[in-house]
Protein backbone atom coordinates (compact mmCIF):
# COMPACT_ATOMS: atom_id res chain seq x y z
CA MET A 1 130.94 -97.83 244.46
CA SER A 2 128.17 -96.61 246.72
CA ARG A 3 128.31 -93.09 248.06
CA ARG A 4 129.02 -94.40 251.56
CA THR A 5 132.49 -95.54 250.50
CA GLY A 6 133.70 -92.07 249.51
CA SER A 7 136.37 -90.46 251.73
CA LEU A 8 134.89 -87.64 253.87
CA ASN A 9 136.38 -84.59 255.53
CA LEU A 10 135.34 -83.25 258.94
CA LYS A 11 132.42 -81.32 257.41
CA GLY A 12 130.96 -84.47 255.89
CA ARG A 13 131.90 -83.56 252.33
CA PHE A 14 133.67 -85.99 250.03
CA MET A 15 137.38 -85.44 249.45
CA PHE A 16 137.82 -88.45 247.16
CA TRP A 17 135.41 -90.74 245.39
CA ASN A 18 137.86 -93.63 244.92
CA LYS A 19 140.86 -92.80 247.10
CA GLU A 20 142.73 -96.00 246.24
CA ILE A 21 142.89 -95.07 242.56
CA GLU A 22 143.10 -91.30 242.97
CA THR A 23 146.16 -91.56 245.25
CA ALA A 24 147.80 -94.61 243.62
CA SER A 25 151.55 -94.68 242.98
CA ARG A 26 152.92 -94.07 239.49
CA GLU A 27 154.16 -97.67 239.37
CA ASP A 28 150.72 -99.09 240.21
CA ILE A 29 148.98 -96.87 237.66
CA GLU A 30 151.41 -97.78 234.87
CA GLN A 31 151.09 -101.49 235.66
CA LEU A 32 147.29 -101.23 235.49
CA GLN A 33 147.52 -99.26 232.25
CA SER A 34 149.85 -101.86 230.74
CA ASN A 35 147.51 -104.71 231.59
CA ARG A 36 144.46 -102.94 230.24
CA LEU A 37 146.26 -101.73 227.13
CA LYS A 38 147.30 -105.29 226.21
CA GLN A 39 143.72 -106.50 226.59
CA CYS A 40 142.40 -103.56 224.58
CA VAL A 41 144.83 -104.05 221.69
CA LYS A 42 143.95 -107.73 221.42
CA LYS A 43 140.24 -106.94 221.48
CA VAL A 44 140.28 -104.26 218.79
CA TYR A 45 142.58 -106.29 216.52
CA GLU A 46 140.16 -109.20 216.64
CA ASN A 47 136.89 -107.22 216.51
CA VAL A 48 137.40 -103.90 214.71
CA PRO A 49 138.40 -104.27 211.02
CA LEU A 50 139.84 -100.74 210.85
CA TYR A 51 142.35 -101.50 213.61
CA LYS A 52 143.34 -104.84 212.09
CA THR A 53 144.04 -103.00 208.83
CA LYS A 54 146.04 -100.27 210.58
CA PHE A 55 148.12 -102.83 212.47
CA ASP A 56 148.72 -105.02 209.43
CA GLU A 57 149.82 -102.03 207.34
CA VAL A 58 152.70 -101.33 209.74
CA GLY A 59 153.46 -104.98 210.53
CA LEU A 60 152.27 -104.71 214.14
CA LYS A 61 150.79 -107.64 216.08
CA PRO A 62 148.88 -107.47 219.39
CA GLU A 63 151.66 -109.42 221.13
CA ASP A 64 154.08 -106.58 220.26
CA ILE A 65 152.31 -104.42 222.85
CA SER A 66 153.24 -105.48 226.38
CA THR A 67 153.56 -102.21 228.37
CA VAL A 68 152.53 -98.57 228.10
CA ASP A 69 156.03 -97.89 226.77
CA ASP A 70 154.95 -99.69 223.58
CA LEU A 71 152.08 -97.27 223.00
CA THR A 72 154.05 -95.23 220.45
CA LYS A 73 154.19 -98.27 218.14
CA ILE A 74 150.43 -97.99 217.60
CA PRO A 75 149.13 -95.88 214.68
CA PHE A 76 146.98 -92.85 215.46
CA THR A 77 143.19 -92.82 215.19
CA VAL A 78 141.57 -89.69 213.71
CA LYS A 79 138.01 -88.40 213.47
CA ASP A 80 137.74 -89.42 209.81
CA ASP A 81 138.23 -93.04 210.89
CA LEU A 82 134.95 -92.82 212.82
CA ARG A 83 133.20 -91.06 209.95
CA ASP A 84 134.48 -93.55 207.38
CA THR A 85 133.14 -96.46 209.45
CA TYR A 86 129.76 -94.75 210.12
CA PRO A 87 127.62 -95.73 211.87
CA PHE A 88 128.78 -98.81 213.81
CA GLY A 89 132.02 -99.93 212.15
CA MET A 90 134.19 -98.99 215.15
CA PHE A 91 132.14 -100.97 217.67
CA ALA A 92 134.05 -103.85 219.27
CA VAL A 93 130.92 -105.65 220.49
CA PRO A 94 127.74 -106.83 218.74
CA LYS A 95 125.09 -104.12 218.49
CA LYS A 96 122.80 -106.18 220.74
CA ASP A 97 125.25 -105.48 223.60
CA VAL A 98 125.09 -101.71 223.05
CA VAL A 99 122.52 -100.17 225.40
CA ARG A 100 122.98 -96.52 224.46
CA ILE A 101 124.15 -94.51 221.46
CA HIS A 102 125.35 -90.91 221.41
CA ALA A 103 126.68 -88.92 218.46
CA SER A 104 128.29 -85.62 217.57
CA SER A 105 126.29 -82.93 215.79
CA GLY A 106 127.73 -83.82 212.40
CA THR A 107 127.76 -80.19 211.27
CA THR A 108 130.81 -80.78 209.05
CA GLY A 109 129.71 -84.14 207.66
CA LYS A 110 128.55 -87.47 209.03
CA PRO A 111 128.27 -87.47 212.83
CA THR A 112 130.70 -89.55 214.87
CA VAL A 113 128.72 -92.31 216.56
CA VAL A 114 129.65 -93.69 219.99
CA GLY A 115 128.16 -96.65 221.82
CA TYR A 116 128.04 -97.83 225.43
CA THR A 117 127.48 -101.20 227.05
CA THR A 118 125.97 -101.45 230.53
CA LYS A 119 129.49 -101.76 231.94
CA ASP A 120 130.60 -98.69 229.95
CA LEU A 121 127.81 -96.61 231.45
CA ASP A 122 128.75 -97.67 234.97
CA MET A 123 132.40 -96.81 234.32
CA TRP A 124 131.39 -93.46 232.81
CA SER A 125 129.32 -92.43 235.81
CA SER A 126 132.09 -93.59 238.18
CA VAL A 127 134.92 -91.62 236.56
CA MET A 128 132.72 -88.55 236.29
CA ALA A 129 131.72 -88.95 239.96
CA ARG A 130 135.40 -88.65 240.88
CA LEU A 131 135.65 -85.36 239.01
CA CYS A 132 132.44 -83.96 240.51
CA VAL A 133 133.72 -84.77 244.00
CA ALA A 134 137.10 -83.23 243.17
CA GLY A 135 135.20 -80.10 242.13
CA GLY A 136 133.60 -79.84 245.58
CA VAL A 137 130.30 -81.67 245.03
CA SER A 138 128.77 -83.99 247.64
CA ALA A 139 125.47 -85.69 248.43
CA HIS A 140 124.40 -82.51 250.28
CA ASP A 141 124.16 -80.59 246.98
CA THR A 142 121.43 -79.78 244.47
CA ALA A 143 122.82 -79.62 240.92
CA GLN A 144 121.17 -77.95 237.93
CA VAL A 145 122.24 -79.43 234.59
CA ALA A 146 121.97 -76.68 231.97
CA PHE A 147 123.48 -78.72 229.13
CA GLY A 148 121.17 -79.81 226.35
CA TYR A 149 119.90 -83.38 226.73
CA GLY A 150 119.97 -85.53 223.60
CA LEU A 151 122.71 -87.11 221.47
CA PHE A 152 125.22 -84.70 223.05
CA THR A 153 127.09 -86.55 225.80
CA GLY A 154 127.59 -83.69 228.26
CA ALA A 155 124.27 -83.67 230.11
CA PHE A 156 124.05 -87.45 230.59
CA GLY A 157 127.70 -87.75 231.61
CA LEU A 158 127.17 -85.35 234.51
CA HIS A 159 123.60 -86.40 235.33
CA TYR A 160 124.25 -90.05 236.19
CA ALA A 161 127.49 -89.26 238.02
CA LEU A 162 125.70 -86.76 240.23
CA GLU A 163 122.95 -89.28 241.01
CA LYS A 164 125.60 -91.88 241.85
CA ILE A 165 127.07 -89.48 244.42
CA GLY A 166 123.62 -88.85 245.88
CA VAL A 167 123.16 -85.29 244.61
CA THR A 168 119.65 -83.96 243.93
CA VAL A 169 119.66 -83.40 240.16
CA ILE A 170 117.56 -80.83 238.27
CA PRO A 171 117.65 -81.83 234.55
CA ALA A 172 116.84 -78.31 233.35
CA SER A 173 118.54 -78.69 229.93
CA SER A 174 119.72 -75.54 228.13
CA GLY A 175 117.78 -72.42 227.21
CA ASN A 176 114.83 -70.60 228.80
CA THR A 177 117.27 -68.65 230.93
CA GLU A 178 114.78 -66.78 233.12
CA LYS A 179 113.20 -70.10 234.07
CA GLN A 180 116.67 -71.49 234.83
CA ILE A 181 117.17 -68.67 237.29
CA MET A 182 113.71 -69.18 238.82
CA LEU A 183 114.55 -72.87 239.38
CA MET A 184 117.88 -71.97 240.98
CA LYS A 185 116.11 -69.69 243.42
CA ASP A 186 113.09 -71.89 244.16
CA PHE A 187 114.90 -75.26 244.31
CA GLY A 188 117.99 -74.02 246.15
CA THR A 189 120.49 -74.97 243.45
CA THR A 190 124.05 -75.16 244.81
CA VAL A 191 125.84 -76.50 241.70
CA LEU A 192 125.55 -75.19 238.13
CA ILE A 193 126.49 -77.46 235.22
CA SER A 194 126.87 -75.70 231.84
CA THR A 195 129.28 -74.26 229.32
CA PRO A 196 131.22 -71.28 230.74
CA SER A 197 129.77 -68.98 228.09
CA TYR A 198 126.19 -69.93 229.02
CA ALA A 199 126.95 -69.45 232.72
CA LEU A 200 128.20 -65.98 231.84
CA TYR A 201 124.96 -65.25 230.00
CA ILE A 202 122.94 -66.54 232.97
CA SER A 203 124.78 -64.08 235.24
CA GLU A 204 123.94 -61.28 232.82
CA VAL A 205 120.23 -62.14 232.83
CA MET A 206 120.32 -62.33 236.64
CA ALA A 207 121.58 -58.76 236.75
CA GLN A 208 118.79 -57.64 234.39
CA MET A 209 116.26 -59.36 236.69
CA GLY A 210 117.67 -57.62 239.74
CA ILE A 211 118.92 -60.89 241.26
CA ASP A 212 122.18 -60.92 243.18
CA PRO A 213 123.38 -64.56 243.21
CA LYS A 214 125.50 -63.99 246.30
CA ARG A 215 122.50 -62.66 248.21
CA ASP A 216 119.48 -64.34 246.60
CA LEU A 217 120.77 -67.78 245.57
CA LYS A 218 122.59 -70.70 247.19
CA LEU A 219 125.09 -71.35 244.39
CA LYS A 220 128.47 -72.61 245.59
CA TYR A 221 130.06 -74.54 242.72
CA GLY A 222 130.18 -74.42 238.94
CA LEU A 223 131.27 -77.48 236.93
CA PHE A 224 131.93 -76.23 233.43
CA GLY A 225 132.91 -77.98 230.21
CA ALA A 226 132.27 -78.54 226.49
CA GLU A 227 134.37 -75.52 225.50
CA ALA A 228 137.75 -74.12 226.45
CA SER A 229 137.92 -71.06 228.67
CA THR A 230 140.66 -68.88 230.11
CA GLU A 231 141.62 -68.15 233.71
CA GLU A 232 140.22 -64.66 233.16
CA MET A 233 136.85 -66.17 232.25
CA ARG A 234 136.96 -68.32 235.39
CA ARG A 235 137.62 -65.30 237.59
CA GLU A 236 134.76 -63.43 235.92
CA LEU A 237 132.34 -66.31 236.58
CA GLU A 238 133.47 -66.74 240.17
CA GLU A 239 133.07 -63.04 240.87
CA ARG A 240 129.68 -62.69 239.17
CA LEU A 241 128.09 -65.88 240.55
CA GLY A 242 129.90 -66.20 243.88
CA ILE A 243 131.05 -69.76 243.13
CA VAL A 244 134.12 -71.98 242.93
CA ALA A 245 134.40 -72.70 239.21
CA THR A 246 136.14 -75.84 237.93
CA GLU A 247 136.52 -77.25 234.46
CA ASN A 248 136.18 -80.83 233.23
CA TYR A 249 137.23 -82.34 229.93
CA GLY A 250 136.26 -85.12 227.57
CA LEU A 251 135.16 -85.93 224.06
CA SER A 252 132.21 -87.92 222.76
CA GLU A 253 134.58 -90.13 220.79
CA ILE A 254 136.41 -91.11 223.98
CA ILE A 255 133.54 -91.28 226.49
CA GLY A 256 132.05 -87.80 226.86
CA PRO A 257 133.00 -85.72 229.91
CA GLY A 258 135.06 -87.81 232.32
CA VAL A 259 138.58 -87.97 230.89
CA SER A 260 139.88 -85.33 233.31
CA GLY A 261 138.77 -82.49 235.55
CA GLU A 262 139.96 -79.95 238.09
CA CYS A 263 139.87 -80.22 241.85
CA THR A 264 139.03 -77.12 243.89
CA ASP A 265 142.74 -76.24 244.06
CA LYS A 266 142.42 -75.47 240.31
CA CYS A 267 145.95 -76.34 239.24
CA GLY A 268 145.32 -78.68 236.30
CA MET A 269 142.75 -81.31 235.32
CA HIS A 270 143.24 -84.70 236.99
CA ILE A 271 143.24 -87.53 234.43
CA ASN A 272 141.34 -90.74 235.19
CA GLU A 273 144.44 -92.69 234.30
CA ASP A 274 143.09 -96.14 235.10
CA HIS A 275 140.86 -95.80 232.03
CA PHE A 276 142.57 -93.20 229.81
CA ILE A 277 146.16 -92.72 228.71
CA VAL A 278 146.92 -89.14 227.63
CA GLU A 279 149.89 -88.21 225.47
CA ILE A 280 151.00 -84.81 224.16
CA ILE A 281 152.41 -84.90 220.65
CA ASP A 282 153.82 -82.62 218.01
CA SER A 283 150.88 -82.42 215.58
CA VAL A 284 153.17 -82.33 212.54
CA THR A 285 155.75 -85.01 213.37
CA GLY A 286 153.66 -87.21 215.67
CA GLU A 287 156.54 -87.20 218.18
CA VAL A 288 155.56 -87.53 221.86
CA LEU A 289 156.60 -84.37 223.71
CA PRO A 290 158.14 -84.13 227.21
CA TYR A 291 156.10 -83.18 230.28
CA GLY A 292 155.28 -79.49 230.33
CA GLU A 293 155.68 -78.98 226.59
CA GLU A 294 152.57 -77.83 224.78
CA GLY A 295 151.11 -79.87 221.92
CA GLU A 296 148.15 -81.90 220.68
CA VAL A 297 146.29 -84.12 223.14
CA VAL A 298 146.14 -87.81 222.14
CA ILE A 299 143.96 -90.19 224.18
CA THR A 300 143.72 -93.97 224.44
CA ALA A 301 140.45 -95.24 225.96
CA MET A 302 141.55 -98.73 226.94
CA SER A 303 138.69 -100.03 229.06
CA LYS A 304 135.56 -99.17 227.10
CA GLU A 305 133.79 -102.27 225.82
CA ALA A 306 131.68 -100.90 222.97
CA LEU A 307 134.13 -98.35 221.58
CA PRO A 308 137.70 -98.77 222.79
CA ILE A 309 139.90 -96.33 220.92
CA LEU A 310 143.68 -96.18 220.44
CA ARG A 311 145.75 -93.00 220.28
CA TYR A 312 142.93 -90.68 219.23
CA LYS A 313 144.15 -87.31 217.94
CA THR A 314 141.83 -84.76 219.55
CA LYS A 315 143.27 -81.55 218.01
CA ASP A 316 143.02 -79.99 221.50
CA ILE A 317 146.12 -78.14 222.73
CA SER A 318 147.46 -78.70 226.27
CA ASN A 319 150.42 -80.02 228.25
CA LEU A 320 150.91 -82.60 231.03
CA ILE A 321 151.70 -81.88 234.70
CA PRO A 322 153.23 -84.97 236.37
CA ASN A 323 153.84 -83.90 239.98
CA LYS A 324 151.50 -84.65 242.90
CA CYS A 325 148.70 -82.12 243.42
CA SER A 326 148.26 -80.19 246.66
CA CYS A 327 144.83 -81.87 247.03
CA GLY A 328 146.56 -85.23 247.61
CA ARG A 329 145.71 -86.79 244.24
CA THR A 330 148.68 -88.37 242.51
CA SER A 331 147.20 -88.63 239.02
CA MET A 332 148.78 -86.98 236.02
CA ARG A 333 147.13 -83.66 235.20
CA MET A 334 146.40 -81.76 232.01
CA ALA A 335 146.61 -78.00 231.79
CA LYS A 336 143.42 -76.20 230.77
CA ILE A 337 142.84 -76.58 227.03
CA LYS A 338 144.41 -73.61 225.29
CA GLY A 339 142.37 -74.12 222.12
CA ARG A 340 142.15 -76.48 219.18
CA SER A 341 144.64 -76.82 216.39
CA ASP A 342 141.76 -76.45 213.91
CA ASP A 343 140.58 -73.29 215.77
CA MET A 344 144.03 -71.76 215.43
CA LEU A 345 144.05 -68.87 213.00
CA VAL A 346 147.10 -68.20 210.87
CA ILE A 347 147.12 -64.48 210.21
CA ARG A 348 150.01 -63.04 208.23
CA GLY A 349 152.10 -66.05 209.25
CA VAL A 350 151.31 -65.69 212.96
CA ASN A 351 149.50 -68.42 214.91
CA VAL A 352 146.57 -66.90 216.81
CA PHE A 353 144.30 -68.63 219.33
CA PRO A 354 141.01 -66.97 220.34
CA SER A 355 141.95 -67.62 223.99
CA GLN A 356 144.90 -65.22 223.65
CA ILE A 357 142.57 -62.41 222.63
CA GLU A 358 140.09 -63.33 225.39
CA THR A 359 142.89 -63.03 227.96
CA VAL A 360 143.59 -59.47 226.83
CA LEU A 361 139.94 -58.41 226.81
CA LEU A 362 139.05 -59.80 230.22
CA LYS A 363 141.86 -57.88 231.89
CA SER A 364 139.87 -54.69 231.35
CA GLN A 365 137.00 -53.78 233.68
CA GLU A 366 135.67 -51.39 231.03
CA VAL A 367 134.55 -54.11 228.61
CA GLU A 368 132.21 -57.07 228.96
CA PRO A 369 133.40 -60.68 228.32
CA HIS A 370 131.39 -60.79 225.08
CA TYR A 371 133.38 -60.52 221.88
CA GLU A 372 133.61 -61.61 218.26
CA ILE A 373 136.76 -62.14 216.22
CA ILE A 374 136.37 -61.45 212.49
CA VAL A 375 139.07 -62.37 209.99
CA LYS A 376 138.87 -61.07 206.45
CA ARG A 377 141.14 -60.41 203.50
CA GLU A 378 141.63 -56.96 201.98
CA ASN A 379 144.03 -56.32 199.08
CA TRP A 380 145.43 -59.85 199.54
CA LEU A 381 146.33 -59.16 203.17
CA ASP A 382 144.67 -60.83 206.20
CA GLN A 383 142.95 -58.40 208.55
CA LEU A 384 142.00 -59.13 212.17
CA GLU A 385 139.02 -57.34 213.67
CA VAL A 386 137.87 -57.68 217.29
CA LEU A 387 134.40 -56.56 218.35
CA VAL A 388 133.91 -56.24 222.11
CA GLU A 389 131.06 -54.83 224.21
CA ILE A 390 131.72 -51.93 226.54
CA ALA A 391 130.58 -52.29 230.15
CA ASP A 392 129.35 -48.74 230.65
CA THR A 393 127.29 -46.89 228.01
CA SER A 394 128.52 -43.55 229.38
CA LEU A 395 131.79 -44.28 227.57
CA LEU A 396 129.95 -43.63 224.30
CA GLU A 397 129.57 -39.99 225.35
CA ASN A 398 133.27 -39.51 226.05
CA TYR A 399 135.24 -39.87 222.83
CA SER A 400 138.68 -39.44 224.42
CA ARG A 401 138.05 -42.23 226.98
CA LEU A 402 136.64 -44.46 224.26
CA GLU A 403 139.64 -43.87 222.04
CA ASP A 404 142.04 -44.43 224.93
CA LEU A 405 140.41 -47.77 225.79
CA GLN A 406 140.44 -48.84 222.16
CA ASN A 407 144.12 -47.99 221.79
CA ARG A 408 145.05 -49.78 225.03
CA ILE A 409 143.35 -52.98 223.87
CA LYS A 410 144.99 -52.71 220.43
CA SER A 411 148.39 -52.23 222.06
CA GLU A 412 147.97 -55.25 224.36
CA ILE A 413 146.84 -57.47 221.47
CA ARG A 414 149.87 -56.32 219.47
CA THR A 415 152.13 -57.19 222.43
CA ILE A 416 150.64 -60.69 222.79
CA LEU A 417 150.21 -61.57 219.10
CA SER A 418 152.85 -59.42 217.38
CA ILE A 419 150.24 -58.29 214.84
CA ASP A 420 147.83 -55.37 214.68
CA ALA A 421 144.09 -55.79 215.16
CA ASN A 422 141.28 -53.39 214.42
CA VAL A 423 139.37 -53.09 217.72
CA LYS A 424 135.75 -51.95 217.63
CA LEU A 425 133.91 -51.14 220.86
CA VAL A 426 130.18 -51.83 220.58
CA GLU A 427 127.19 -51.14 222.82
CA PRO A 428 126.17 -53.63 225.54
CA ASN A 429 123.91 -56.52 224.53
CA THR A 430 124.65 -56.21 220.81
CA LEU A 431 126.76 -59.34 220.28
CA LYS A 432 125.28 -62.84 220.10
CA ARG A 433 124.90 -64.93 223.30
CA PHE A 434 125.32 -68.71 223.39
CA GLN A 435 123.46 -71.42 225.29
CA GLY A 436 125.79 -74.15 224.00
CA LYS A 437 129.35 -73.89 222.76
CA ALA A 438 130.34 -70.32 222.02
CA GLN A 439 131.29 -69.49 218.41
CA ARG A 440 133.70 -66.59 218.76
CA VAL A 441 135.35 -66.56 215.31
CA THR A 442 133.94 -65.51 211.95
CA ASP A 443 136.44 -66.24 209.17
CA LEU A 444 135.46 -64.44 205.95
CA ARG A 445 138.66 -65.02 204.01
CA ASP A 446 137.11 -67.63 201.70
CA GLN A 447 134.41 -65.14 200.77
């Protein structure tokens, strides 16, 4: 789709990228999903040995899948399936048809390898263009991509979508933060693309440089992804940078960014349902959960040529929102990712997500949104420690205020988690900053 076919509002900004799909009826979407699912199942059964084996083990044939209601008959796909077939065993097309390869970092073993045909790349840029437009972006904008370019899918997923819309793209990559800020000022950047934690760090460096983004820059929108963040983090970013901050979601194994994303009404991430089916399951039983109930996100990528994938267990935690959005889009939405099941800490029998602690910390104006969660074991008992930077160094000179703040945070964490935490207030700029995904948890229990 060329940029001229997008739907415009009176100010000449896009409201929709593909209005026909983004406002389609539930019946039309489910019919399209059923047709594409049938084609996908047939293709993977005939071309991907792992799927043929999975189907044969449960006595399932491609012809048993006729509508989306049959999706639950299909076995799950997990990350180890991609690792076990490394590098190209999950590809459904000959390698000569694959025009690009991306991969995960592989920090916990072999990387997961993903491939794209020419058609896949066009689809990827199209679905991501929808989400950029939903987040407020138009051809009038200048976007600075502060994701790292390379095997990581994030930068390329946004880059080509923005160009498709007609945006002026600055491929700044990550790092060299003072230069990032110089480019924003000199090039008139209106859209920032990064992780939320790196955007927060950029705002901190701006303050150190004496730059007020609301006065000195032209920033209007932030399109953030690659890590989960809370509503409190969003409000912090919007206040510091003077932007409308939206979040988008995806995984390399599925496509990269482009599965879903928020519109500027910020009430859930719109799913590109013509290409992805999202289910929420109970991680233990595998049972599909009702709308609104929180569980593990499972995604079927039914229209990718090189790497179609069935019922992929993401380990991300969310819930589905089925009703029509106030923006006019009718697509199913996902709530912001609460965390990952493998990021969940079990401390003295209590399930703890880092996002719960972040919510508590960011309610206080007296601390900065920089923190570290340390879990250790003393005398056979798990101990939770939270390090957080204070916002004002004068607090260090007033022991009673410092103690009061520490006790208030401890009390709020106890209320939310039902366990005690040892809260330590540390000086500004002492905790590590992140240019990519933030690593907030240090688990020392195995040591």
